[in-house]
Amino acid sequence: MKGNIEERACRVAAYIIENRATVRAAAKKFGISKSSVHKDLSERLQQYNRTLYLRVRDVMEANKAERHLRGGLATRRKWQHVKERL
């Protein structure tokens, strides 16, 4: 999916909005790096499609606000697995 960067940015943004996905999940889905996804959405998309940029920015800000919660849950799951093995 390295072709048209404008099209890629729009497709990634649509995926994130529809699925409320994280940058990491979108990068995995489209086979590109997190840096590319972030650059596409935060810089390039703003120039190509302002309304789509504003919608995806809201999702990304919500994900950023919830990030500490997901990290805590991941740590909790990790330690539950360790306890089960003991």
C-alpha atoms as a PDB file:
ATOM      1  CA  MET A   1       0.000   0.000   0.000  1.00  0.00           C
ATOM      2  CA  LYS A   2       2.822   2.349  -0.759  1.00  0.00           C
ATOM      3  CA  GLY A   3       1.182   3.954  -3.820  1.00  0.00           C
ATOM      4  CA  ASN A   4      -0.732   7.176  -3.523  1.00  0.00           C
ATOM      5  CA  ILE A   5      -0.026   8.720  -0.125  1.00  0.00           C
ATOM      6  CA  GLU A   6      -3.167  10.887  -0.200  1.00  0.00           C
ATOM      7  CA  GLU A   7      -5.364   7.844  -0.794  1.00  0.00           C
ATOM      8  CA  ARG A   8      -3.522   5.856   1.876  1.00  0.00           C
ATOM      9  CA  ALA A   9      -4.005   8.638   4.423  1.00  0.00           C
ATOM     10  CA  CYS A  10      -7.746   8.769   3.693  1.00  0.00           C
ATOM     11  CA  ARG A  11      -8.127   4.977   3.913  1.00  0.00           C
ATOM     12  CA  VAL A  12      -6.197   4.784   7.190  1.00  0.00           C
ATOM     13  CA  ALA A  13      -8.229   7.648   8.631  1.00  0.00           C
ATOM     14  CA  ALA A  14     -11.499   5.994   7.623  1.00  0.00           C
ATOM     15  CA  TYR A  15     -10.356   2.728   9.242  1.00  0.00           C
ATOM     16  CA  ILE A  16      -9.459   4.483  12.499  1.00  0.00           C
ATOM     17  CA  ILE A  17     -12.754   6.362  12.609  1.00  0.00           C
ATOM     18  CA  GLU A  18     -14.911   3.320  11.823  1.00  0.00           C
ATOM     19  CA  ASN A  19     -13.149   1.005  14.270  1.00  0.00           C
ATOM     20  CA  ARG A  20     -11.982   3.556  16.844  1.00  0.00           C
ATOM     21  CA  ALA A  21      -8.606   1.902  16.293  1.00  0.00           C
ATOM     22  CA  THR A  22      -5.249   2.986  17.628  1.00  0.00           C
ATOM     23  CA  VAL A  23      -2.355   4.144  15.469  1.00  0.00           C
ATOM     24  CA  ARG A  24      -0.582   0.872  16.252  1.00  0.00           C
ATOM     25  CA  ALA A  25      -3.580  -1.218  15.157  1.00  0.00           C
ATOM     26  CA  ALA A  26      -3.941   0.769  11.931  1.00  0.00           C
ATOM     27  CA  ALA A  27      -0.246   0.383  11.165  1.00  0.00           C
ATOM     28  CA  LYS A  28      -0.514  -3.365  11.577  1.00  0.00           C
ATOM     29  CA  LYS A  29      -3.667  -3.548   9.430  1.00  0.00           C
ATOM     30  CA  PHE A  30      -2.151  -1.571   6.537  1.00  0.00           C
ATOM     31  CA  GLY A  31       1.380  -2.958   6.808  1.00  0.00           C
ATOM     32  CA  ILE A  32       3.094   0.370   7.418  1.00  0.00           C
ATOM     33  CA  SER A  33       4.973   1.830  10.366  1.00  0.00           C
ATOM     34  CA  LYS A  34       3.383   3.713  13.249  1.00  0.00           C
ATOM     35  CA  SER A  35       5.437   6.724  12.231  1.00  0.00           C
ATOM     36  CA  SER A  36       3.962   6.647   8.724  1.00  0.00           C
ATOM     37  CA  VAL A  37       0.417   6.390  10.064  1.00  0.00           C
ATOM     38  CA  HIS A  38       0.983   9.254  12.467  1.00  0.00           C
ATOM     39  CA  LYS A  39       2.579  11.455   9.806  1.00  0.00           C
ATOM     40  CA  ASP A  40      -0.191  10.637   7.319  1.00  0.00           C
ATOM     41  CA  LEU A  41      -2.889  11.554   9.802  1.00  0.00           C
ATOM     42  CA  SER A  42      -1.382  14.492  11.638  1.00  0.00           C
ATOM     43  CA  GLU A  43       0.347  16.289   8.764  1.00  0.00           C
ATOM     44  CA  ARG A  44      -0.637  15.066   5.311  1.00  0.00           C
ATOM     45  CA  LEU A  45      -4.355  14.505   5.848  1.00  0.00           C
ATOM     46  CA  GLN A  46      -4.773  18.033   7.153  1.00  0.00           C
ATOM     47  CA  GLN A  47      -3.762  19.355   3.726  1.00  0.00           C
ATOM     48  CA  TYR A  48      -5.850  16.902   1.677  1.00  0.00           C
ATOM     49  CA  ASN A  49      -9.105  16.481   3.581  1.00  0.00           C
ATOM     50  CA  ARG A  50      -9.682  18.866   6.483  1.00  0.00           C
ATOM     51  CA  THR A  51     -13.029  17.408   7.617  1.00  0.00           C
ATOM     52  CA  LEU A  52     -11.673  13.861   7.732  1.00  0.00           C
ATOM     53  CA  TYR A  53      -8.621  15.156   9.595  1.00  0.00           C
ATOM     54  CA  LEU A  54     -10.808  16.764  12.273  1.00  0.00           C
ATOM     55  CA  ARG A  55     -12.794  13.534  12.766  1.00  0.00           C
ATOM     56  CA  VAL A  56      -9.718  11.316  13.027  1.00  0.00           C
ATOM     57  CA  ARG A  57      -8.014  13.805  15.334  1.00  0.00           C
ATOM     58  CA  ASP A  58     -10.871  13.409  17.824  1.00  0.00           C
ATOM     59  CA  VAL A  59     -10.435   9.613  17.825  1.00  0.00           C
ATOM     60  CA  MET A  60      -6.667   9.920  18.213  1.00  0.00           C
ATOM     61  CA  GLU A  61      -7.052  12.327  21.135  1.00  0.00           C
ATOM     62  CA  ALA A  62      -9.502   9.953  22.831  1.00  0.00           C
ATOM     63  CA  ASN A  63      -7.053   7.082  22.325  1.00  0.00           C
ATOM     64  CA  LYS A  64      -4.273   9.185  23.802  1.00  0.00           C
ATOM     65  CA  ALA A  65      -6.405   9.999  26.845  1.00  0.00           C
ATOM     66  CA  GLU A  66      -7.201   6.292  27.368  1.00  0.00           C
ATOM     67  CA  ARG A  67      -3.663   5.071  26.736  1.00  0.00           C
ATOM     68  CA  HIS A  68      -2.718   4.832  30.408  1.00  0.00           C
ATOM     69  CA  LEU A  69      -5.762   2.651  31.065  1.00  0.00           C
ATOM     70  CA  ARG A  70      -4.877   0.182  28.305  1.00  0.00           C
ATOM     71  CA  GLY A  71      -1.319  -0.004  29.608  1.00  0.00           C
ATOM     72  CA  GLY A  72      -2.555  -0.773  33.111  1.00  0.00           C
ATOM     73  CA  LEU A  73      -4.841  -3.518  31.837  1.00  0.00           C
ATOM     74  CA  ALA A  74      -1.994  -5.073  29.850  1.00  0.00           C
ATOM     75  CA  THR A  75       0.182  -5.127  32.960  1.00  0.00           C
ATOM     76  CA  ARG A  76      -2.626  -6.673  34.960  1.00  0.00           C
ATOM     77  CA  ARG A  77      -3.101  -9.448  32.385  1.00  0.00           C
ATOM     78  CA  LYS A  78       0.635 -10.083  32.341  1.00  0.00           C
ATOM     79  CA  TRP A  79       0.826 -10.564  36.097  1.00  0.00           C
ATOM     80  CA  GLN A  80      -2.301 -12.740  36.188  1.00  0.00           C
ATOM     81  CA  HIS A  81      -0.605 -15.121  33.760  1.00  0.00           C
ATOM     82  CA  VAL A  82       2.523 -15.171  35.910  1.00  0.00           C
ATOM     83  CA  LYS A  83       0.483 -16.006  39.030  1.00  0.00           C
ATOM     84  CA  GLU A  84      -1.326 -18.830  37.202  1.00  0.00           C
ATOM     85  CA  ARG A  85       1.992 -20.499  36.404  1.00  0.00           C
ATOM     86  CA  LEU A  86       3.136 -20.470  40.030  1.00  0.00           C
END
